[in-house]
């Protein structure tokens, strides 16, 4: 589907906020889903790139979608120099969504780096459906250093409690966000709390280790390289194990990107 850039703004070093308008026929995405994006008419690179959805708004005759992204390679470098009114091809929404529940009192959000994007969209969704304030959101946000913290202002508008860490100690807790969360884990009763996470693979792996001795439920959104985005190429397959101990490979683009963190084989 054809989209038109409204803004493509650099917000901090190497991070951009892309705002695009699309026809009203674009399907409403759920938190955790993603879109495939490419510049219209560009043949190199030929395939689109997956991006999590940062925000979505439906207007009277169009929709507005925001994509928060980090420049990490050729395709995102090309995307970062596109200006207002440039046309894009945007396909989706694809993939599985977070399972949103109203049966708990505490929602714990854990994100690292650009993983803040789908987590913020999820927090927005919870703000809209929460039952007269019965559900309370807690967010743990980590980054390598202060200059790489992104999306803090918006997530603070959605979560009354935001805990920040940096690997170098330049802001907040000095260390990994998983270790900061571990200091608070006793505050979250598995009977009335659930967790959602998105971030670098080492962060999610460490979180899964922490949860081996704690029954808190946790849904994790994986960041993987994708080619087709619809499950045909099998390029984003990961190893999983179900509760009966059966191993299988799942496609992040089709079966995910959201998985039960305990189903993923990390080694």
C-alpha atoms as a PDB file:
ATOM      1  CA  UNK A   1       0.000   0.000   0.000  1.00  0.00           C
ATOM      2  CA  UNK A   2       1.236   3.469  -0.865  1.00  0.00           C
ATOM      3  CA  UNK A   3       2.117   5.823   1.966  1.00  0.00           C
ATOM      4  CA  UNK A   4       3.390   9.391   1.980  1.00  0.00           C
ATOM      5  CA  UNK A   5       5.964  10.778   4.400  1.00  0.00           C
ATOM      6  CA  UNK A   6       4.676  13.591   6.589  1.00  0.00           C
ATOM      7  CA  UNK A   7       7.858  13.911   8.654  1.00  0.00           C
ATOM      8  CA  UNK A   8      11.129  12.032   9.013  1.00  0.00           C
ATOM      9  CA  UNK A   9      12.787  13.630  12.010  1.00  0.00           C
ATOM     10  CA  UNK A  10      16.104  12.913  13.673  1.00  0.00           C
ATOM     11  CA  UNK A  11      15.440  12.839  17.407  1.00  0.00           C
ATOM     12  CA  UNK A  12      18.788  11.765  18.883  1.00  0.00           C
ATOM     13  CA  UNK A  13      22.008  10.425  17.417  1.00  0.00           C
ATOM     14  CA  UNK A  14      21.200   7.746  14.868  1.00  0.00           C
ATOM     15  CA  UNK A  15      17.485   7.538  15.762  1.00  0.00           C
ATOM     16  CA  UNK A  16      14.631   8.865  13.630  1.00  0.00           C
ATOM     17  CA  UNK A  17      10.872   9.204  13.936  1.00  0.00           C
ATOM     18  CA  UNK A  18       9.070   8.533  10.659  1.00  0.00           C
ATOM     19  CA  UNK A  19       5.465   9.713  10.322  1.00  0.00           C
ATOM     20  CA  UNK A  20       3.482   8.427   7.343  1.00  0.00           C
ATOM     21  CA  UNK A  21      -0.066   8.907   6.098  1.00  0.00           C
ATOM     22  CA  UNK A  22      -1.843   5.935   4.496  1.00  0.00           C
ATOM     23  CA  UNK A  23      -5.275   5.324   2.945  1.00  0.00           C
ATOM     24  CA  UNK A  24      -8.129   4.633   5.363  1.00  0.00           C
ATOM     25  CA  UNK A  25      -8.299   1.038   4.045  1.00  0.00           C
ATOM     26  CA  UNK A  26      -5.069   0.216   5.891  1.00  0.00           C
ATOM     27  CA  UNK A  27      -5.864  -2.414   8.508  1.00  0.00           C
ATOM     28  CA  UNK A  28      -5.710  -1.358  12.153  1.00  0.00           C
ATOM     29  CA  UNK A  29      -2.620  -2.985  13.714  1.00  0.00           C
ATOM     30  CA  UNK A  30      -2.453  -4.563  17.138  1.00  0.00           C
ATOM     31  CA  UNK A  31       0.481  -3.973  19.525  1.00  0.00           C
ATOM     32  CA  UNK A  32       3.413  -6.217  18.618  1.00  0.00           C
ATOM     33  CA  UNK A  33       2.672  -6.423  14.903  1.00  0.00           C
ATOM     34  CA  UNK A  34       5.003  -4.921  12.305  1.00  0.00           C
ATOM     35  CA  UNK A  35       5.045  -3.479   8.792  1.00  0.00           C
ATOM     36  CA  UNK A  36       7.404  -3.932   5.839  1.00  0.00           C
ATOM     37  CA  UNK A  37       8.638  -0.624   4.421  1.00  0.00           C
ATOM     38  CA  UNK A  38      10.503   0.330   1.255  1.00  0.00           C
ATOM     39  CA  UNK A  39      10.846   3.455  -0.857  1.00  0.00           C
ATOM     40  CA  UNK A  40       8.451   3.304  -3.787  1.00  0.00           C
ATOM     41  CA  UNK A  41      10.255   2.607  -7.068  1.00  0.00           C
ATOM     42  CA  UNK A  42      13.636   1.787  -5.512  1.00  0.00           C
ATOM     43  CA  UNK A  43      15.143  -1.478  -6.768  1.00  0.00           C
ATOM     44  CA  UNK A  44      18.208  -1.582  -4.535  1.00  0.00           C
ATOM     45  CA  UNK A  45      17.481  -2.805  -1.973  1.00  0.00           C
ATOM     46  CA  UNK A  46      14.594  -4.640  -3.570  1.00  0.00           C
ATOM     47  CA  UNK A  47      12.926  -6.035  -0.466  1.00  0.00           C
ATOM     48  CA  UNK A  48      11.312  -4.037   2.293  1.00  0.00           C
ATOM     49  CA  UNK A  49      12.546  -3.862   5.868  1.00  0.00           C
ATOM     50  CA  UNK A  50      10.476  -4.763   8.931  1.00  0.00           C
ATOM     51  CA  UNK A  51       9.650  -2.096  11.494  1.00  0.00           C
ATOM     52  CA  UNK A  52       7.658  -2.232  14.693  1.00  0.00           C
ATOM     53  CA  UNK A  53       4.749   0.166  14.973  1.00  0.00           C
ATOM     54  CA  UNK A  54       5.315   3.035  17.397  1.00  0.00           C
ATOM     55  CA  UNK A  55       1.876   4.606  17.122  1.00  0.00           C
ATOM     56  CA  UNK A  56      -1.249   4.406  14.998  1.00  0.00           C
ATOM     57  CA  UNK A  57      -4.106   6.863  14.571  1.00  0.00           C
ATOM     58  CA  UNK A  58      -7.207   6.487  12.424  1.00  0.00           C
ATOM     59  CA  UNK A  59      -8.591   9.751  11.014  1.00  0.00           C
ATOM     60  CA  UNK A  60     -11.803  10.365   9.092  1.00  0.00           C
ATOM     61  CA  UNK A  61     -10.361   9.478   5.674  1.00  0.00           C
ATOM     62  CA  UNK A  62      -6.788   8.320   6.320  1.00  0.00           C
ATOM     63  CA  UNK A  63      -4.523   6.770   8.936  1.00  0.00           C
ATOM     64  CA  UNK A  64      -1.289   7.986  10.494  1.00  0.00           C
ATOM     65  CA  UNK A  65       1.446   5.564  11.477  1.00  0.00           C
ATOM     66  CA  UNK A  66       4.671   6.345  13.312  1.00  0.00           C
ATOM     67  CA  UNK A  67       7.850   4.264  13.077  1.00  0.00           C
ATOM     68  CA  UNK A  68      10.703   4.812  15.497  1.00  0.00           C
ATOM     69  CA  UNK A  69      13.905   3.435  13.977  1.00  0.00           C
ATOM     70  CA  UNK A  70      17.645   3.325  14.387  1.00  0.00           C
ATOM     71  CA  UNK A  71      20.102   3.675  11.495  1.00  0.00           C
ATOM     72  CA  UNK A  72      22.025   0.391  11.431  1.00  0.00           C
ATOM     73  CA  UNK A  73      22.701  -0.403   7.760  1.00  0.00           C
ATOM     74  CA  UNK A  74      22.133   0.493   4.122  1.00  0.00           C
ATOM     75  CA  UNK A  75      18.351   0.381   4.126  1.00  0.00           C
ATOM     76  CA  UNK A  76      17.830   2.472   7.250  1.00  0.00           C
ATOM     77  CA  UNK A  77      20.516   4.920   6.054  1.00  0.00           C
ATOM     78  CA  UNK A  78      18.583   5.412   2.811  1.00  0.00           C
ATOM     79  CA  UNK A  79      15.356   5.750   4.747  1.00  0.00           C
ATOM     80  CA  UNK A  80      16.833   8.408   7.046  1.00  0.00           C
ATOM     81  CA  UNK A  81      17.501  10.828   4.173  1.00  0.00           C
ATOM     82  CA  UNK A  82      13.990  10.702   2.713  1.00  0.00           C
ATOM     83  CA  UNK A  83      12.065  13.949   2.910  1.00  0.00           C
ATOM     84  CA  UNK A  84       8.463  15.066   3.256  1.00  0.00           C
ATOM     85  CA  UNK A  85       6.060  13.851   0.523  1.00  0.00           C
ATOM     86  CA  UNK A  86       8.307  10.989  -0.617  1.00  0.00           C
ATOM     87  CA  UNK A  87       6.204   7.904  -1.380  1.00  0.00           C
ATOM     88  CA  UNK A  88       6.730   4.605   0.417  1.00  0.00           C
ATOM     89  CA  UNK A  89       5.371   1.108  -0.043  1.00  0.00           C
ATOM     90  CA  UNK A  90       4.095  -0.187   3.295  1.00  0.00           C
ATOM     91  CA  UNK A  91       2.735  -3.701   3.697  1.00  0.00           C
ATOM     92  CA  UNK A  92       1.096  -5.235   6.724  1.00  0.00           C
ATOM     93  CA  UNK A  93       0.365  -5.297   9.522  1.00  0.00           C
ATOM     94  CA  UNK A  94       2.065  -8.682   9.808  1.00  0.00           C
ATOM     95  CA  UNK A  95       2.836 -11.143  12.559  1.00  0.00           C
ATOM     96  CA  UNK A  96       1.362 -12.051  15.894  1.00  0.00           C
ATOM     97  CA  UNK A  97       0.321  -9.444  18.438  1.00  0.00           C
ATOM     98  CA  UNK A  98       0.797  -9.197  22.173  1.00  0.00           C
ATOM     99  CA  UNK A  99      -1.947 -10.916  24.129  1.00  0.00           C
ATOM    100  CA  UNK A 100      -3.565  -8.041  26.008  1.00  0.00           C
ATOM    101  CA  UNK A 101      -5.267  -8.996  29.254  1.00  0.00           C
ATOM    102  CA  UNK A 102      -7.469  -7.096  31.668  1.00  0.00           C
ATOM    103  CA  UNK A 103      -7.249  -9.818  34.322  1.00  0.00           C
ATOM    104  CA  UNK A 104      -4.188  -8.483  36.136  1.00  0.00           C
ATOM    105  CA  UNK A 105      -3.424  -5.373  38.162  1.00  0.00           C
ATOM    106  CA  UNK A 106       0.202  -4.788  37.183  1.00  0.00           C
ATOM    107  CA  UNK A 107       1.688  -4.647  33.687  1.00  0.00           C
ATOM    108  CA  UNK A 108       5.487  -4.807  33.633  1.00  0.00           C
ATOM    109  CA  UNK A 109       7.171  -3.553  30.461  1.00  0.00           C
ATOM    110  CA  UNK A 110      10.867  -4.227  29.855  1.00  0.00           C
ATOM    111  CA  UNK A 111      12.649  -2.801  26.837  1.00  0.00           C
ATOM    112  CA  UNK A 112      16.151  -2.184  25.601  1.00  0.00           C
ATOM    113  CA  UNK A 113      17.150   0.310  22.921  1.00  0.00           C
ATOM    114  CA  UNK A 114      14.772   0.511  19.976  1.00  0.00           C
ATOM    115  CA  UNK A 115      12.636  -2.143  21.665  1.00  0.00           C
ATOM    116  CA  UNK A 116      10.846   0.843  23.194  1.00  0.00           C
ATOM    117  CA  UNK A 117       8.796   1.179  19.965  1.00  0.00           C
ATOM    118  CA  UNK A 118       6.400  -1.805  20.219  1.00  0.00           C
ATOM    119  CA  UNK A 119       6.335  -1.499  24.003  1.00  0.00           C
ATOM    120  CA  UNK A 120       5.116   2.101  23.747  1.00  0.00           C
ATOM    121  CA  UNK A 121       2.390   1.084  21.289  1.00  0.00           C
ATOM    122  CA  UNK A 122       1.360  -1.616  23.760  1.00  0.00           C
ATOM    123  CA  UNK A 123       1.318   0.871  26.650  1.00  0.00           C
ATOM    124  CA  UNK A 124      -0.903   3.184  24.595  1.00  0.00           C
ATOM    125  CA  UNK A 125      -3.300   0.299  24.046  1.00  0.00           C
ATOM    126  CA  UNK A 126      -3.432  -0.486  27.753  1.00  0.00           C
ATOM    127  CA  UNK A 127      -4.127   3.154  28.563  1.00  0.00           C
ATOM    128  CA  UNK A 128      -7.170   3.025  26.306  1.00  0.00           C
ATOM    129  CA  UNK A 129      -8.657  -0.167  27.732  1.00  0.00           C
ATOM    130  CA  UNK A 130      -7.705  -0.033  31.389  1.00  0.00           C
ATOM    131  CA  UNK A 131     -10.629  -0.369  33.773  1.00  0.00           C
ATOM    132  CA  UNK A 132     -10.897   2.885  35.744  1.00  0.00           C
ATOM    133  CA  UNK A 133      -7.229   2.797  36.691  1.00  0.00           C
ATOM    134  CA  UNK A 134      -7.267  -0.775  38.012  1.00  0.00           C
ATOM    135  CA  UNK A 135      -4.360  -1.711  35.750  1.00  0.00           C
ATOM    136  CA  UNK A 136      -1.050  -0.014  36.577  1.00  0.00           C
ATOM    137  CA  UNK A 137       1.890   0.111  34.190  1.00  0.00           C
ATOM    138  CA  UNK A 138       5.565  -0.171  35.147  1.00  0.00           C
ATOM    139  CA  UNK A 139       8.296   0.312  32.550  1.00  0.00           C
ATOM    140  CA  UNK A 140      11.982  -0.676  32.712  1.00  0.00           C
ATOM    141  CA  UNK A 141      13.997   0.991  29.958  1.00  0.00           C
ATOM    142  CA  UNK A 142      17.663   0.316  29.277  1.00  0.00           C
ATOM    143  CA  UNK A 143      20.270   1.687  26.880  1.00  0.00           C
ATOM    144  CA  UNK A 144      24.032   1.630  26.464  1.00  0.00           C
ATOM    145  CA  UNK A 145      24.407   5.283  27.466  1.00  0.00           C
ATOM    146  CA  UNK A 146      22.382   8.446  28.025  1.00  0.00           C
ATOM    147  CA  UNK A 147      22.783   9.632  24.423  1.00  0.00           C
ATOM    148  CA  UNK A 148      21.085   6.446  23.179  1.00  0.00           C
ATOM    149  CA  UNK A 149      17.998   6.631  25.378  1.00  0.00           C
ATOM    150  CA  UNK A 150      15.058   7.154  23.072  1.00  0.00           C
ATOM    151  CA  UNK A 151      11.324   7.514  23.620  1.00  0.00           C
ATOM    152  CA  UNK A 152      11.592   8.389  27.300  1.00  0.00           C
ATOM    153  CA  UNK A 153       9.225  11.364  27.272  1.00  0.00           C
ATOM    154  CA  UNK A 154       6.394   9.498  25.582  1.00  0.00           C
ATOM    155  CA  UNK A 155       6.605   6.384  27.726  1.00  0.00           C
ATOM    156  CA  UNK A 156       6.583   8.586  30.847  1.00  0.00           C
ATOM    157  CA  UNK A 157       3.263  10.016  29.686  1.00  0.00           C
ATOM    158  CA  UNK A 158       1.844   6.482  29.641  1.00  0.00           C
ATOM    159  CA  UNK A 159       3.523   4.905  32.672  1.00  0.00           C
ATOM    160  CA  UNK A 160       3.594   6.550  36.109  1.00  0.00           C
ATOM    161  CA  UNK A 161       6.649   4.467  37.044  1.00  0.00           C
ATOM    162  CA  UNK A 162       9.575   4.394  34.594  1.00  0.00           C
ATOM    163  CA  UNK A 163      12.882   2.881  35.714  1.00  0.00           C
ATOM    164  CA  UNK A 164      15.939   3.696  33.592  1.00  0.00           C
ATOM    165  CA  UNK A 165      19.335   2.080  33.381  1.00  0.00           C
ATOM    166  CA  UNK A 166      22.418   2.658  31.270  1.00  0.00           C
ATOM    167  CA  UNK A 167      25.301   0.274  30.806  1.00  0.00           C
ATOM    168  CA  UNK A 168      27.821   3.030  31.579  1.00  0.00           C
ATOM    169  CA  UNK A 169      25.867   4.585  34.450  1.00  0.00           C
ATOM    170  CA  UNK A 170      25.457   7.950  32.712  1.00  0.00           C
ATOM    171  CA  UNK A 171      21.743   7.990  33.605  1.00  0.00           C
ATOM    172  CA  UNK A 172      19.801   5.968  36.133  1.00  0.00           C
ATOM    173  CA  UNK A 173      20.881   2.572  37.390  1.00  0.00           C
ATOM    174  CA  UNK A 174      24.435   1.601  36.442  1.00  0.00           C
ATOM    175  CA  UNK A 175      24.124  -1.735  34.669  1.00  0.00           C
ATOM    176  CA  UNK A 176      21.771  -3.816  32.568  1.00  0.00           C
ATOM    177  CA  UNK A 177      18.033  -3.221  32.788  1.00  0.00           C
ATOM    178  CA  UNK A 178      17.446  -6.903  33.549  1.00  0.00           C
ATOM    179  CA  UNK A 179      19.504  -6.606  36.736  1.00  0.00           C
ATOM    180  CA  UNK A 180      17.602  -3.476  37.742  1.00  0.00           C
ATOM    181  CA  UNK A 181      14.332  -5.346  37.240  1.00  0.00           C
ATOM    182  CA  UNK A 182      15.678  -8.286  39.276  1.00  0.00           C
ATOM    183  CA  UNK A 183      15.985  -5.957  42.282  1.00  0.00           C
ATOM    184  CA  UNK A 184      12.240  -5.256  42.025  1.00  0.00           C
ATOM    185  CA  UNK A 185      10.924  -8.655  40.971  1.00  0.00           C
ATOM    186  CA  UNK A 186       9.485  -9.448  44.405  1.00  0.00           C
ATOM    187  CA  UNK A 187       7.060  -6.527  43.959  1.00  0.00           C
ATOM    188  CA  UNK A 188       5.225  -8.361  41.191  1.00  0.00           C
ATOM    189  CA  UNK A 189       2.987 -11.204  42.274  1.00  0.00           C
ATOM    190  CA  UNK A 190       2.577 -13.728  39.421  1.00  0.00           C
ATOM    191  CA  UNK A 191      -1.095 -13.931  40.365  1.00  0.00           C
ATOM    192  CA  UNK A 192      -1.836 -10.306  39.502  1.00  0.00           C
ATOM    193  CA  UNK A 193       1.005  -9.247  37.173  1.00  0.00           C
ATOM    194  CA  UNK A 194       2.202 -10.028  33.675  1.00  0.00           C
ATOM    195  CA  UNK A 195       5.229  -8.955  31.637  1.00  0.00           C
ATOM    196  CA  UNK A 196       6.050  -7.856  28.101  1.00  0.00           C
ATOM    197  CA  UNK A 197       9.566  -7.411  26.726  1.00  0.00           C
ATOM    198  CA  UNK A 198      11.362  -6.283  23.582  1.00  0.00           C
ATOM    199  CA  UNK A 199      15.034  -5.595  23.062  1.00  0.00           C
ATOM    200  CA  UNK A 200      18.361  -7.099  22.060  1.00  0.00           C
ATOM    201  CA  UNK A 201      18.639 -10.865  22.138  1.00  0.00           C
ATOM    202  CA  UNK A 202      21.117 -10.921  25.079  1.00  0.00           C
ATOM    203  CA  UNK A 203      18.661  -8.889  27.145  1.00  0.00           C
ATOM    204  CA  UNK A 204      15.799 -11.268  26.412  1.00  0.00           C
ATOM    205  CA  UNK A 205      17.977 -14.304  27.060  1.00  0.00           C
ATOM    206  CA  UNK A 206      18.980 -12.948  30.466  1.00  0.00           C
ATOM    207  CA  UNK A 207      15.362 -12.166  31.261  1.00  0.00           C
ATOM    208  CA  UNK A 208      14.387 -15.748  30.437  1.00  0.00           C
ATOM    209  CA  UNK A 209      17.089 -16.965  32.836  1.00  0.00           C
ATOM    210  CA  UNK A 210      15.698 -14.758  35.599  1.00  0.00           C
ATOM    211  CA  UNK A 211      12.213 -16.132  35.008  1.00  0.00           C
ATOM    212  CA  UNK A 212      13.277 -19.778  35.272  1.00  0.00           C
ATOM    213  CA  UNK A 213      12.883 -19.412  39.043  1.00  0.00           C
ATOM    214  CA  UNK A 214       9.880 -17.077  38.933  1.00  0.00           C
ATOM    215  CA  UNK A 215       6.470 -17.966  37.444  1.00  0.00           C
ATOM    216  CA  UNK A 216       5.711 -14.476  36.093  1.00  0.00           C
ATOM    217  CA  UNK A 217       4.294 -14.793  32.599  1.00  0.00           C
ATOM    218  CA  UNK A 218       6.236 -12.942  29.907  1.00  0.00           C
ATOM    219  CA  UNK A 219       5.617 -12.294  26.230  1.00  0.00           C
ATOM    220  CA  UNK A 220       8.701 -11.293  24.233  1.00  0.00           C
ATOM    221  CA  UNK A 221       8.820  -9.557  20.867  1.00  0.00           C
ATOM    222  CA  UNK A 222      11.899 -10.646  18.928  1.00  0.00           C
ATOM    223  CA  UNK A 223      14.062  -8.452  16.731  1.00  0.00           C
ATOM    224  CA  UNK A 224      15.223 -10.573  13.776  1.00  0.00           C
ATOM    225  CA  UNK A 225      16.357  -9.921  10.230  1.00  0.00           C
ATOM    226  CA  UNK A 226      13.582 -10.684   7.739  1.00  0.00           C
ATOM    227  CA  UNK A 227      13.407 -10.903   3.962  1.00  0.00           C
ATOM    228  CA  UNK A 228       9.842 -11.573   2.852  1.00  0.00           C
ATOM    229  CA  UNK A 229       7.945 -10.780   6.051  1.00  0.00           C
ATOM    230  CA  UNK A 230       5.230 -13.364   5.332  1.00  0.00           C
ATOM    231  CA  UNK A 231       6.907 -16.669   6.218  1.00  0.00           C
ATOM    232  CA  UNK A 232       7.804 -17.872   2.727  1.00  0.00           C
ATOM    233  CA  UNK A 233      11.607 -17.663   2.829  1.00  0.00           C
ATOM    234  CA  UNK A 234      12.183 -19.182   6.312  1.00  0.00           C
ATOM    235  CA  UNK A 235      15.072 -16.754   6.797  1.00  0.00           C
ATOM    236  CA  UNK A 236      13.941 -15.646  10.257  1.00  0.00           C
ATOM    237  CA  UNK A 237      13.352 -19.074  11.813  1.00  0.00           C
ATOM    238  CA  UNK A 238      14.204 -19.634  15.468  1.00  0.00           C
ATOM    239  CA  UNK A 239      14.336 -22.760  17.633  1.00  0.00           C
ATOM    240  CA  UNK A 240      11.506 -23.236  20.135  1.00  0.00           C
ATOM    241  CA  UNK A 241      10.324 -25.860  22.599  1.00  0.00           C
ATOM    242  CA  UNK A 242       6.732 -26.375  23.685  1.00  0.00           C
ATOM    243  CA  UNK A 243       5.508 -27.372  27.142  1.00  0.00           C
ATOM    244  CA  UNK A 244       5.633 -31.066  26.199  1.00  0.00           C
ATOM    245  CA  UNK A 245       9.337 -30.736  25.380  1.00  0.00           C
ATOM    246  CA  UNK A 246       8.898 -30.948  21.605  1.00  0.00           C
ATOM    247  CA  UNK A 247      11.392 -28.862  19.612  1.00  0.00           C
ATOM    248  CA  UNK A 248      10.437 -27.046  16.435  1.00  0.00           C
ATOM    249  CA  UNK A 249      11.399 -24.061  14.330  1.00  0.00           C
ATOM    250  CA  UNK A 250       9.129 -21.036  14.217  1.00  0.00           C
ATOM    251  CA  UNK A 251       9.179 -18.123  11.775  1.00  0.00           C
ATOM    252  CA  UNK A 252       9.516 -14.806  13.574  1.00  0.00           C
ATOM    253  CA  UNK A 253       7.614 -12.984  10.826  1.00  0.00           C
ATOM    254  CA  UNK A 254       4.676 -15.403  10.666  1.00  0.00           C
ATOM    255  CA  UNK A 255       4.505 -17.273  13.999  1.00  0.00           C
ATOM    256  CA  UNK A 256       5.894 -14.262  15.867  1.00  0.00           C
ATOM    257  CA  UNK A 257       7.366 -11.786  16.448  1.00  0.00           C
ATOM    258  CA  UNK A 258       5.660 -12.253  19.825  1.00  0.00           C
ATOM    259  CA  UNK A 259       6.418 -15.483  21.690  1.00  0.00           C
ATOM    260  CA  UNK A 260       6.139 -16.799  25.210  1.00  0.00           C
ATOM    261  CA  UNK A 261       9.671 -16.153  26.446  1.00  0.00           C
ATOM    262  CA  UNK A 262       9.828 -19.649  27.947  1.00  0.00           C
ATOM    263  CA  UNK A 263       9.239 -21.276  24.549  1.00  0.00           C
ATOM    264  CA  UNK A 264      12.412 -19.874  22.969  1.00  0.00           C
ATOM    265  CA  UNK A 265      15.625 -21.910  22.864  1.00  0.00           C
ATOM    266  CA  UNK A 266      18.293 -19.267  23.383  1.00  0.00           C
ATOM    267  CA  UNK A 267      21.507 -21.274  22.912  1.00  0.00           C
END
